[in-house]
Amino acid sequence: MTLEIKDLYVSIEDNQILKGLNLTVNGGETHAIMGPNGTGKSTLAQICMGHPSYRVDSGDILLNGESILDKSVDERSRMGIFLAMQNPIEVPGVTNFDFVKAAMQKRLSKDEHLRIGKFILKFEKAAQDLKMGQGLAHRFLNQGFSGGEKKRNEILQMKMLNPSIAFLDEIDSGLDVDALKIVGENVTQLKSENLGLVLITHYQRLLDYITPDYVHIMINGKIVKTGKDELIKRIDQEGYDWVKKEMGIDDEDVKPFSLGTCPAKN
């Protein structure tokens, strides 16, 4: 599976957020995207997932060579795209079990039916791996969950749905050291030639557990620099001012913007 983002310009509420962004993610690759707040990192994940509030001004998003700009959120999800949200919403009245079961059933053909026994075993194993505790299946989706539980629940959904392209949007925020280790180990176990992974993060600590193949610095709506481990270390030590200076980016040209809410997954 290959995701190609070509010269993408994206706006919302007359604010242009992405300004000619290019990125290719192949199966088996892990890409980390870092950058200052409000520079468009979450917008990138949300527009790839199909957030309806954003407008694509120009450019394209291709999945295995096919444009997905006309696809809805649920269609993109069934095609293999997944978004672990920065701020997972609470859904009263819908249990975790029913939510994931419905999503998995939608991935089958009309003549196929989910094997419930196998599904239950897989769900329980995923909950155990993520140390989510007993009774998770019967709890309403994210309702009453701590911040760390919500993030681990996103990874549980990822483990169950087995996507081909996955965006993890600041999955490390709100996690203590133990929870970060659990999340990092579980994501690393999912890495394969069939999964293209995009990690959006501010901190090196997540990348200590999930090793990226490529590190991209995003400023003012586009990727301005790409490297590997050495880039992570320098950012951790010096921040982003040196990148702005090197690229000739003026702080006055950078206008942070945040929408806040992500689309729901099917």
C-alpha atoms as a PDB file:
ATOM      1  CA  MET A   1       0.000   0.000   0.000  1.00  0.00           C
ATOM      2  CA  THR A   2       1.292   3.448  -0.899  1.00  0.00           C
ATOM      3  CA  LEU A   3      -0.107   6.817   0.187  1.00  0.00           C
ATOM      4  CA  GLU A   4       0.995   9.775  -1.942  1.00  0.00           C
ATOM      5  CA  ILE A   5       0.293  13.378  -0.969  1.00  0.00           C
ATOM      6  CA  LYS A   6       1.037  15.635  -3.921  1.00  0.00           C
ATOM      7  CA  ASP A   7       1.463  19.425  -3.690  1.00  0.00           C
ATOM      8  CA  LEU A   8      -1.463  19.644  -1.275  1.00  0.00           C
ATOM      9  CA  TYR A   9      -3.017  22.997  -0.368  1.00  0.00           C
ATOM     10  CA  VAL A  10      -5.759  22.881   2.285  1.00  0.00           C
ATOM     11  CA  SER A  11      -7.884  25.630   3.886  1.00  0.00           C
ATOM     12  CA  ILE A  12     -10.477  26.045   6.590  1.00  0.00           C
ATOM     13  CA  GLU A  13     -12.490  29.156   7.443  1.00  0.00           C
ATOM     14  CA  ASP A  14     -10.486  31.147   4.870  1.00  0.00           C
ATOM     15  CA  ASN A  15      -7.234  30.141   6.566  1.00  0.00           C
ATOM     16  CA  GLN A  16      -4.817  28.207   4.383  1.00  0.00           C
ATOM     17  CA  ILE A  17      -3.164  25.574   6.573  1.00  0.00           C
ATOM     18  CA  LEU A  18      -1.294  23.265   4.192  1.00  0.00           C
ATOM     19  CA  LYS A  19       0.759  25.046   1.553  1.00  0.00           C
ATOM     20  CA  GLY A  20       2.145  22.656  -1.032  1.00  0.00           C
ATOM     21  CA  LEU A  21       2.796  19.599   1.123  1.00  0.00           C
ATOM     22  CA  ASN A  22       4.390  16.509  -0.434  1.00  0.00           C
ATOM     23  CA  LEU A  23       4.810  13.130   1.260  1.00  0.00           C
ATOM     24  CA  THR A  24       4.945   9.488   0.168  1.00  0.00           C
ATOM     25  CA  VAL A  25       4.389   6.677   2.678  1.00  0.00           C
ATOM     26  CA  ASN A  26       4.960   3.093   1.567  1.00  0.00           C
ATOM     27  CA  GLY A  27       4.016  -0.102   3.335  1.00  0.00           C
ATOM     28  CA  GLY A  28       6.721  -1.082   5.804  1.00  0.00           C
ATOM     29  CA  GLU A  29       7.836   2.520   6.408  1.00  0.00           C
ATOM     30  CA  THR A  30       7.494   4.570   9.593  1.00  0.00           C
ATOM     31  CA  HIS A  31       7.493   8.356   9.177  1.00  0.00           C
ATOM     32  CA  ALA A  32       7.670  10.805  12.082  1.00  0.00           C
ATOM     33  CA  ILE A  33       6.343  14.331  11.541  1.00  0.00           C
ATOM     34  CA  MET A  34       7.482  16.982  13.993  1.00  0.00           C
ATOM     35  CA  GLY A  35       7.093  20.728  14.123  1.00  0.00           C
ATOM     36  CA  PRO A  36       5.859  23.718  16.162  1.00  0.00           C
ATOM     37  CA  ASN A  37       2.244  23.965  17.340  1.00  0.00           C
ATOM     38  CA  GLY A  38      -0.328  25.023  14.760  1.00  0.00           C
ATOM     39  CA  THR A  39       1.825  24.306  11.734  1.00  0.00           C
ATOM     40  CA  GLY A  40      -0.574  21.832  10.093  1.00  0.00           C
ATOM     41  CA  LYS A  41       0.492  18.420  11.397  1.00  0.00           C
ATOM     42  CA  SER A  42      -2.959  17.413  12.647  1.00  0.00           C
ATOM     43  CA  THR A  43      -4.562  18.993   9.571  1.00  0.00           C
ATOM     44  CA  LEU A  44      -2.529  16.615   7.425  1.00  0.00           C
ATOM     45  CA  ALA A  45      -3.849  13.579   9.301  1.00  0.00           C
ATOM     46  CA  GLN A  46      -7.413  14.866   9.335  1.00  0.00           C
ATOM     47  CA  ILE A  47      -7.557  15.719   5.631  1.00  0.00           C
ATOM     48  CA  CYS A  48      -6.176  12.278   4.738  1.00  0.00           C
ATOM     49  CA  MET A  49      -8.937  10.761   6.874  1.00  0.00           C
ATOM     50  CA  GLY A  50     -11.560  12.966   5.182  1.00  0.00           C
ATOM     51  CA  HIS A  51     -12.485  15.605   7.772  1.00  0.00           C
ATOM     52  CA  PRO A  52     -15.433  17.460   6.188  1.00  0.00           C
ATOM     53  CA  SER A  53     -14.543  20.883   7.620  1.00  0.00           C
ATOM     54  CA  TYR A  54     -11.383  21.189   5.558  1.00  0.00           C
ATOM     55  CA  ARG A  55     -11.270  22.253   1.910  1.00  0.00           C
ATOM     56  CA  VAL A  56      -8.688  20.954  -0.551  1.00  0.00           C
ATOM     57  CA  ASP A  57      -7.714  23.965  -2.679  1.00  0.00           C
ATOM     58  CA  SER A  58      -5.386  22.020  -4.964  1.00  0.00           C
ATOM     59  CA  GLY A  59      -3.190  18.945  -5.049  1.00  0.00           C
ATOM     60  CA  ASP A  60      -4.164  15.332  -4.503  1.00  0.00           C
ATOM     61  CA  ILE A  61      -4.107  12.398  -2.086  1.00  0.00           C
ATOM     62  CA  LEU A  62      -3.574   9.031  -3.761  1.00  0.00           C
ATOM     63  CA  LEU A  63      -3.915   5.549  -2.312  1.00  0.00           C
ATOM     64  CA  ASN A  64      -2.188   3.010  -4.559  1.00  0.00           C
ATOM     65  CA  GLY A  65      -2.436   5.526  -7.381  1.00  0.00           C
ATOM     66  CA  GLU A  66      -6.167   6.248  -6.895  1.00  0.00           C
ATOM     67  CA  SER A  67      -7.340   9.679  -5.751  1.00  0.00           C
ATOM     68  CA  ILE A  68      -9.369   9.512  -2.549  1.00  0.00           C
ATOM     69  CA  LEU A  69     -10.467  13.152  -2.431  1.00  0.00           C
ATOM     70  CA  ASP A  70     -14.036  12.178  -3.315  1.00  0.00           C
ATOM     71  CA  LYS A  71     -14.180   9.407  -0.692  1.00  0.00           C
ATOM     72  CA  SER A  72     -16.035   9.790   2.622  1.00  0.00           C
ATOM     73  CA  VAL A  73     -14.478   9.070   6.020  1.00  0.00           C
ATOM     74  CA  ASP A  74     -15.985   5.587   6.219  1.00  0.00           C
ATOM     75  CA  GLU A  75     -14.919   4.756   2.647  1.00  0.00           C
ATOM     76  CA  ARG A  76     -11.339   5.766   3.390  1.00  0.00           C
ATOM     77  CA  SER A  77     -11.421   3.719   6.568  1.00  0.00           C
ATOM     78  CA  ARG A  78     -12.589   0.629   4.700  1.00  0.00           C
ATOM     79  CA  MET A  79      -9.826   1.232   2.130  1.00  0.00           C
ATOM     80  CA  GLY A  80      -7.302   0.855   4.949  1.00  0.00           C
ATOM     81  CA  ILE A  81      -6.645   4.341   6.364  1.00  0.00           C
ATOM     82  CA  PHE A  82      -6.738   4.758  10.141  1.00  0.00           C
ATOM     83  CA  LEU A  83      -6.441   7.777  12.413  1.00  0.00           C
ATOM     84  CA  ALA A  84      -5.633   7.509  16.117  1.00  0.00           C
ATOM     85  CA  MET A  85      -7.074  10.813  17.254  1.00  0.00           C
ATOM     86  CA  GLN A  86      -5.329  13.421  19.356  1.00  0.00           C
ATOM     87  CA  ASN A  87      -8.511  14.008  21.385  1.00  0.00           C
ATOM     88  CA  PRO A  88     -10.746  10.895  21.166  1.00  0.00           C
ATOM     89  CA  ILE A  89     -14.388  11.756  21.710  1.00  0.00           C
ATOM     90  CA  GLU A  90     -16.744  10.075  24.180  1.00  0.00           C
ATOM     91  CA  VAL A  91     -19.729   8.216  22.732  1.00  0.00           C
ATOM     92  CA  PRO A  92     -22.326   7.439  25.437  1.00  0.00           C
ATOM     93  CA  GLY A  93     -24.561   4.463  24.748  1.00  0.00           C
ATOM     94  CA  VAL A  94     -22.180   2.701  22.356  1.00  0.00           C
ATOM     95  CA  THR A  95     -19.951   0.042  23.896  1.00  0.00           C
ATOM     96  CA  ASN A  96     -16.371  -0.493  22.836  1.00  0.00           C
ATOM     97  CA  PHE A  97     -17.297  -4.028  21.793  1.00  0.00           C
ATOM     98  CA  ASP A  98     -20.175  -2.947  19.529  1.00  0.00           C
ATOM     99  CA  PHE A  99     -18.179  -0.080  18.019  1.00  0.00           C
ATOM    100  CA  VAL A 100     -15.235  -2.238  16.970  1.00  0.00           C
ATOM    101  CA  LYS A 101     -17.478  -5.127  15.898  1.00  0.00           C
ATOM    102  CA  ALA A 102     -19.502  -2.839  13.610  1.00  0.00           C
ATOM    103  CA  ALA A 103     -16.304  -1.407  12.096  1.00  0.00           C
ATOM    104  CA  MET A 104     -14.911  -4.868  11.403  1.00  0.00           C
ATOM    105  CA  GLN A 105     -18.198  -6.137   9.958  1.00  0.00           C
ATOM    106  CA  LYS A 106     -18.242  -3.187   7.532  1.00  0.00           C
ATOM    107  CA  ARG A 107     -14.911  -4.394   6.151  1.00  0.00           C
ATOM    108  CA  LEU A 108     -16.429  -7.704   5.059  1.00  0.00           C
ATOM    109  CA  SER A 109     -18.396  -8.332   1.894  1.00  0.00           C
ATOM    110  CA  LYS A 110     -22.199  -8.437   2.079  1.00  0.00           C
ATOM    111  CA  ASP A 111     -22.157 -12.231   2.090  1.00  0.00           C
ATOM    112  CA  GLU A 112     -19.599 -12.531   4.884  1.00  0.00           C
ATOM    113  CA  HIS A 113     -20.305 -12.490   8.601  1.00  0.00           C
ATOM    114  CA  LEU A 114     -17.937 -11.768  11.458  1.00  0.00           C
ATOM    115  CA  ARG A 115     -16.938 -14.859  13.407  1.00  0.00           C
ATOM    116  CA  ILE A 116     -17.940 -13.683  16.879  1.00  0.00           C
ATOM    117  CA  GLY A 117     -15.941 -16.257  18.825  1.00  0.00           C
ATOM    118  CA  LYS A 118     -12.726 -15.362  17.014  1.00  0.00           C
ATOM    119  CA  PHE A 119     -13.532 -11.648  17.356  1.00  0.00           C
ATOM    120  CA  ILE A 120     -14.039 -11.924  21.133  1.00  0.00           C
ATOM    121  CA  LEU A 121     -10.716 -13.717  21.595  1.00  0.00           C
ATOM    122  CA  LYS A 122      -8.896 -11.104  19.515  1.00  0.00           C
ATOM    123  CA  PHE A 123     -10.585  -8.227  21.396  1.00  0.00           C
ATOM    124  CA  GLU A 124      -9.717  -9.697  24.787  1.00  0.00           C
ATOM    125  CA  LYS A 125      -6.109 -10.314  23.725  1.00  0.00           C
ATOM    126  CA  ALA A 126      -5.749  -6.721  22.488  1.00  0.00           C
ATOM    127  CA  ALA A 127      -7.223  -5.359  25.744  1.00  0.00           C
ATOM    128  CA  GLN A 128      -4.830  -7.538  27.727  1.00  0.00           C
ATOM    129  CA  ASP A 129      -1.823  -6.447  25.639  1.00  0.00           C
ATOM    130  CA  LEU A 130      -2.695  -2.807  26.314  1.00  0.00           C
ATOM    131  CA  LYS A 131      -3.464  -3.454  29.990  1.00  0.00           C
ATOM    132  CA  MET A 132      -6.961  -2.002  29.627  1.00  0.00           C
ATOM    133  CA  GLY A 133      -8.423  -4.098  32.438  1.00  0.00           C
ATOM    134  CA  GLN A 134     -11.475  -6.321  32.532  1.00  0.00           C
ATOM    135  CA  GLY A 135     -14.873  -5.086  31.445  1.00  0.00           C
ATOM    136  CA  LEU A 136     -13.583  -2.885  28.615  1.00  0.00           C
ATOM    137  CA  ALA A 137     -15.944  -4.486  26.098  1.00  0.00           C
ATOM    138  CA  HIS A 138     -18.998  -3.337  28.071  1.00  0.00           C
ATOM    139  CA  ARG A 139     -17.849   0.210  28.802  1.00  0.00           C
ATOM    140  CA  PHE A 140     -19.203   2.999  26.600  1.00  0.00           C
ATOM    141  CA  LEU A 141     -16.705   4.251  24.035  1.00  0.00           C
ATOM    142  CA  ASN A 142     -14.185   6.474  25.875  1.00  0.00           C
ATOM    143  CA  GLN A 143     -16.817   7.593  28.416  1.00  0.00           C
ATOM    144  CA  GLY A 144     -15.207   8.087  31.805  1.00  0.00           C
ATOM    145  CA  PHE A 145     -11.822   7.064  30.428  1.00  0.00           C
ATOM    146  CA  SER A 146      -8.655   8.763  31.568  1.00  0.00           C
ATOM    147  CA  GLY A 147      -6.541  10.484  28.904  1.00  0.00           C
ATOM    148  CA  GLY A 148      -4.174   7.530  28.855  1.00  0.00           C
ATOM    149  CA  GLU A 149      -7.025   5.029  28.540  1.00  0.00           C
ATOM    150  CA  LYS A 150      -8.437   6.928  25.562  1.00  0.00           C
ATOM    151  CA  LYS A 151      -5.079   6.796  23.778  1.00  0.00           C
ATOM    152  CA  ARG A 152      -4.637   3.094  24.500  1.00  0.00           C
ATOM    153  CA  ASN A 153      -8.182   2.496  23.260  1.00  0.00           C
ATOM    154  CA  GLU A 154      -7.219   4.080  19.931  1.00  0.00           C
ATOM    155  CA  ILE A 155      -4.345   1.598  19.605  1.00  0.00           C
ATOM    156  CA  LEU A 156      -6.698  -1.247  20.516  1.00  0.00           C
ATOM    157  CA  GLN A 157      -8.898  -0.226  17.585  1.00  0.00           C
ATOM    158  CA  MET A 158      -5.832  -0.136  15.363  1.00  0.00           C
ATOM    159  CA  LYS A 159      -4.850  -3.636  16.452  1.00  0.00           C
ATOM    160  CA  MET A 160      -8.344  -4.915  15.689  1.00  0.00           C
ATOM    161  CA  LEU A 161      -8.843  -3.145  12.344  1.00  0.00           C
ATOM    162  CA  ASN A 162      -5.366  -3.894  10.973  1.00  0.00           C
ATOM    163  CA  PRO A 163      -5.066  -0.817   8.692  1.00  0.00           C
ATOM    164  CA  SER A 164      -2.661  -0.363   5.783  1.00  0.00           C
ATOM    165  CA  ILE A 165      -1.906   3.324   6.467  1.00  0.00           C
ATOM    166  CA  ALA A 166      -2.115   4.610  10.046  1.00  0.00           C
ATOM    167  CA  PHE A 167      -1.769   8.159  11.390  1.00  0.00           C
ATOM    168  CA  LEU A 168      -1.053   8.426  15.114  1.00  0.00           C
ATOM    169  CA  ASP A 169      -1.777  12.033  16.055  1.00  0.00           C
ATOM    170  CA  GLU A 170       0.133  12.890  19.243  1.00  0.00           C
ATOM    171  CA  ILE A 171      -0.677   9.481  20.672  1.00  0.00           C
ATOM    172  CA  ASP A 172       1.956  10.162  23.356  1.00  0.00           C
ATOM    173  CA  SER A 173       0.296  13.249  24.846  1.00  0.00           C
ATOM    174  CA  GLY A 174      -1.214  12.592  28.252  1.00  0.00           C
ATOM    175  CA  LEU A 175       0.623   9.300  28.732  1.00  0.00           C
ATOM    176  CA  ASP A 176       2.803   8.580  31.731  1.00  0.00           C
ATOM    177  CA  VAL A 177       6.040   6.634  31.293  1.00  0.00           C
ATOM    178  CA  ASP A 178       4.437   3.214  31.824  1.00  0.00           C
ATOM    179  CA  ALA A 179       1.526   3.877  29.447  1.00  0.00           C
ATOM    180  CA  LEU A 180       3.896   5.277  26.813  1.00  0.00           C
ATOM    181  CA  LYS A 181       5.965   2.099  26.983  1.00  0.00           C
ATOM    182  CA  ILE A 182       2.829  -0.041  26.556  1.00  0.00           C
ATOM    183  CA  VAL A 183       1.629   1.991  23.575  1.00  0.00           C
ATOM    184  CA  GLY A 184       5.079   2.071  21.992  1.00  0.00           C
ATOM    185  CA  GLU A 185       5.582  -1.675  22.323  1.00  0.00           C
ATOM    186  CA  ASN A 186       2.136  -2.471  20.906  1.00  0.00           C
ATOM    187  CA  VAL A 187       2.581  -0.174  17.907  1.00  0.00           C
ATOM    188  CA  THR A 188       6.033  -1.609  17.246  1.00  0.00           C
ATOM    189  CA  GLN A 189       4.560  -5.124  17.266  1.00  0.00           C
ATOM    190  CA  LEU A 190       2.129  -4.023  14.536  1.00  0.00           C
ATOM    191  CA  LYS A 191       4.883  -2.787  12.223  1.00  0.00           C
ATOM    192  CA  SER A 192       5.109  -4.873   9.061  1.00  0.00           C
ATOM    193  CA  GLU A 193       5.605  -4.597   5.311  1.00  0.00           C
ATOM    194  CA  ASN A 194       1.829  -4.159   5.044  1.00  0.00           C
ATOM    195  CA  LEU A 195       1.639  -1.082   7.296  1.00  0.00           C
ATOM    196  CA  GLY A 196       2.690   2.458   6.465  1.00  0.00           C
ATOM    197  CA  LEU A 197       2.883   4.408   9.728  1.00  0.00           C
ATOM    198  CA  VAL A 198       2.847   8.190  10.284  1.00  0.00           C
ATOM    199  CA  LEU A 199       3.681   9.423  13.801  1.00  0.00           C
ATOM    200  CA  ILE A 200       2.788  13.030  14.623  1.00  0.00           C
ATOM    201  CA  THR A 201       4.598  14.087  17.771  1.00  0.00           C
ATOM    202  CA  HIS A 202       6.403  16.919  19.555  1.00  0.00           C
ATOM    203  CA  TYR A 203       8.682  14.779  21.663  1.00  0.00           C
ATOM    204  CA  GLN A 204      11.585  12.408  21.239  1.00  0.00           C
ATOM    205  CA  ARG A 205      10.259  10.120  23.970  1.00  0.00           C
ATOM    206  CA  LEU A 206       7.694   8.435  21.674  1.00  0.00           C
ATOM    207  CA  LEU A 207      10.396   7.835  19.075  1.00  0.00           C
ATOM    208  CA  ASP A 208      12.480   6.053  21.716  1.00  0.00           C
ATOM    209  CA  TYR A 209       9.851   3.291  21.578  1.00  0.00           C
ATOM    210  CA  ILE A 210       8.769   3.455  17.913  1.00  0.00           C
ATOM    211  CA  THR A 211      11.787   3.874  15.656  1.00  0.00           C
ATOM    212  CA  PRO A 212      11.059   5.935  12.520  1.00  0.00           C
ATOM    213  CA  ASP A 213      12.669   5.371   9.144  1.00  0.00           C
ATOM    214  CA  TYR A 214      12.212   9.028   8.221  1.00  0.00           C
ATOM    215  CA  VAL A 215      11.820  12.208  10.277  1.00  0.00           C
ATOM    216  CA  HIS A 216      10.112  15.218   8.675  1.00  0.00           C
ATOM    217  CA  ILE A 217      10.058  18.749  10.017  1.00  0.00           C
ATOM    218  CA  MET A 218       6.862  20.596   9.175  1.00  0.00           C
ATOM    219  CA  ILE A 219       6.661  24.380   9.417  1.00  0.00           C
ATOM    220  CA  ASN A 220       4.082  26.773   7.990  1.00  0.00           C
ATOM    221  CA  GLY A 221       2.053  24.103   6.232  1.00  0.00           C
ATOM    222  CA  LYS A 222       4.722  22.094   4.454  1.00  0.00           C
ATOM    223  CA  ILE A 223       7.605  19.733   5.063  1.00  0.00           C
ATOM    224  CA  VAL A 224      10.801  21.776   5.036  1.00  0.00           C
ATOM    225  CA  LYS A 225      13.382  19.212   6.108  1.00  0.00           C
ATOM    226  CA  THR A 226      13.726  15.403   6.176  1.00  0.00           C
ATOM    227  CA  GLY A 227      16.306  13.309   7.985  1.00  0.00           C
ATOM    228  CA  LYS A 228      16.706  10.475  10.453  1.00  0.00           C
ATOM    229  CA  ASP A 229      17.824  10.004  14.075  1.00  0.00           C
ATOM    230  CA  GLU A 230      20.233  12.927  14.040  1.00  0.00           C
ATOM    231  CA  LEU A 231      17.341  15.293  13.260  1.00  0.00           C
ATOM    232  CA  ILE A 232      15.367  14.092  16.293  1.00  0.00           C
ATOM    233  CA  LYS A 233      18.328  14.660  18.597  1.00  0.00           C
ATOM    234  CA  ARG A 234      19.011  18.156  17.323  1.00  0.00           C
ATOM    235  CA  ILE A 235      15.372  19.189  17.656  1.00  0.00           C
ATOM    236  CA  ASP A 236      15.292  17.803  21.192  1.00  0.00           C
ATOM    237  CA  GLN A 237      18.354  19.885  22.075  1.00  0.00           C
ATOM    238  CA  GLU A 238      17.780  23.084  20.087  1.00  0.00           C
ATOM    239  CA  GLY A 239      14.078  23.282  19.174  1.00  0.00           C
ATOM    240  CA  TYR A 240      13.022  24.568  15.736  1.00  0.00           C
ATOM    241  CA  ASP A 241      14.604  28.019  15.542  1.00  0.00           C
ATOM    242  CA  TRP A 242      17.660  26.683  13.722  1.00  0.00           C
ATOM    243  CA  VAL A 243      15.408  25.080  11.075  1.00  0.00           C
ATOM    244  CA  LYS A 244      13.551  28.364  10.516  1.00  0.00           C
ATOM    245  CA  LYS A 245      16.840  30.228  10.223  1.00  0.00           C
ATOM    246  CA  GLU A 246      18.310  27.657   7.853  1.00  0.00           C
ATOM    247  CA  MET A 247      15.201  27.689   5.643  1.00  0.00           C
ATOM    248  CA  GLY A 248      14.751  31.469   5.800  1.00  0.00           C
ATOM    249  CA  ILE A 249      11.364  31.245   7.527  1.00  0.00           C
ATOM    250  CA  ASP A 250      10.181  34.368   9.354  1.00  0.00           C
ATOM    251  CA  ASP A 251       8.073  33.824  12.498  1.00  0.00           C
ATOM    252  CA  GLU A 252       5.711  36.549  11.263  1.00  0.00           C
ATOM    253  CA  ASP A 253       4.843  34.351   8.277  1.00  0.00           C
ATOM    254  CA  VAL A 254       3.756  31.482  10.534  1.00  0.00           C
ATOM    255  CA  LYS A 255       0.137  31.769  11.680  1.00  0.00           C
ATOM    256  CA  PRO A 256      -0.843  28.900  14.006  1.00  0.00           C
ATOM    257  CA  PHE A 257      -4.345  27.461  13.612  1.00  0.00           C
ATOM    258  CA  SER A 258      -6.116  24.588  15.350  1.00  0.00           C
ATOM    259  CA  LEU A 259      -9.533  23.057  14.704  1.00  0.00           C
ATOM    260  CA  GLY A 260      -9.514  20.640  17.600  1.00  0.00           C
ATOM    261  CA  THR A 261     -11.952  17.884  16.690  1.00  0.00           C
ATOM    262  CA  CYS A 262     -11.284  14.910  14.438  1.00  0.00           C
ATOM    263  CA  PRO A 263     -13.726  12.858  12.343  1.00  0.00           C
ATOM    264  CA  ALA A 264     -15.118   9.637  13.758  1.00  0.00           C
ATOM    265  CA  LYS A 265     -13.920   6.294  12.381  1.00  0.00           C
ATOM    266  CA  ASN A 266     -16.008   3.449  10.996  1.00  0.00           C
END
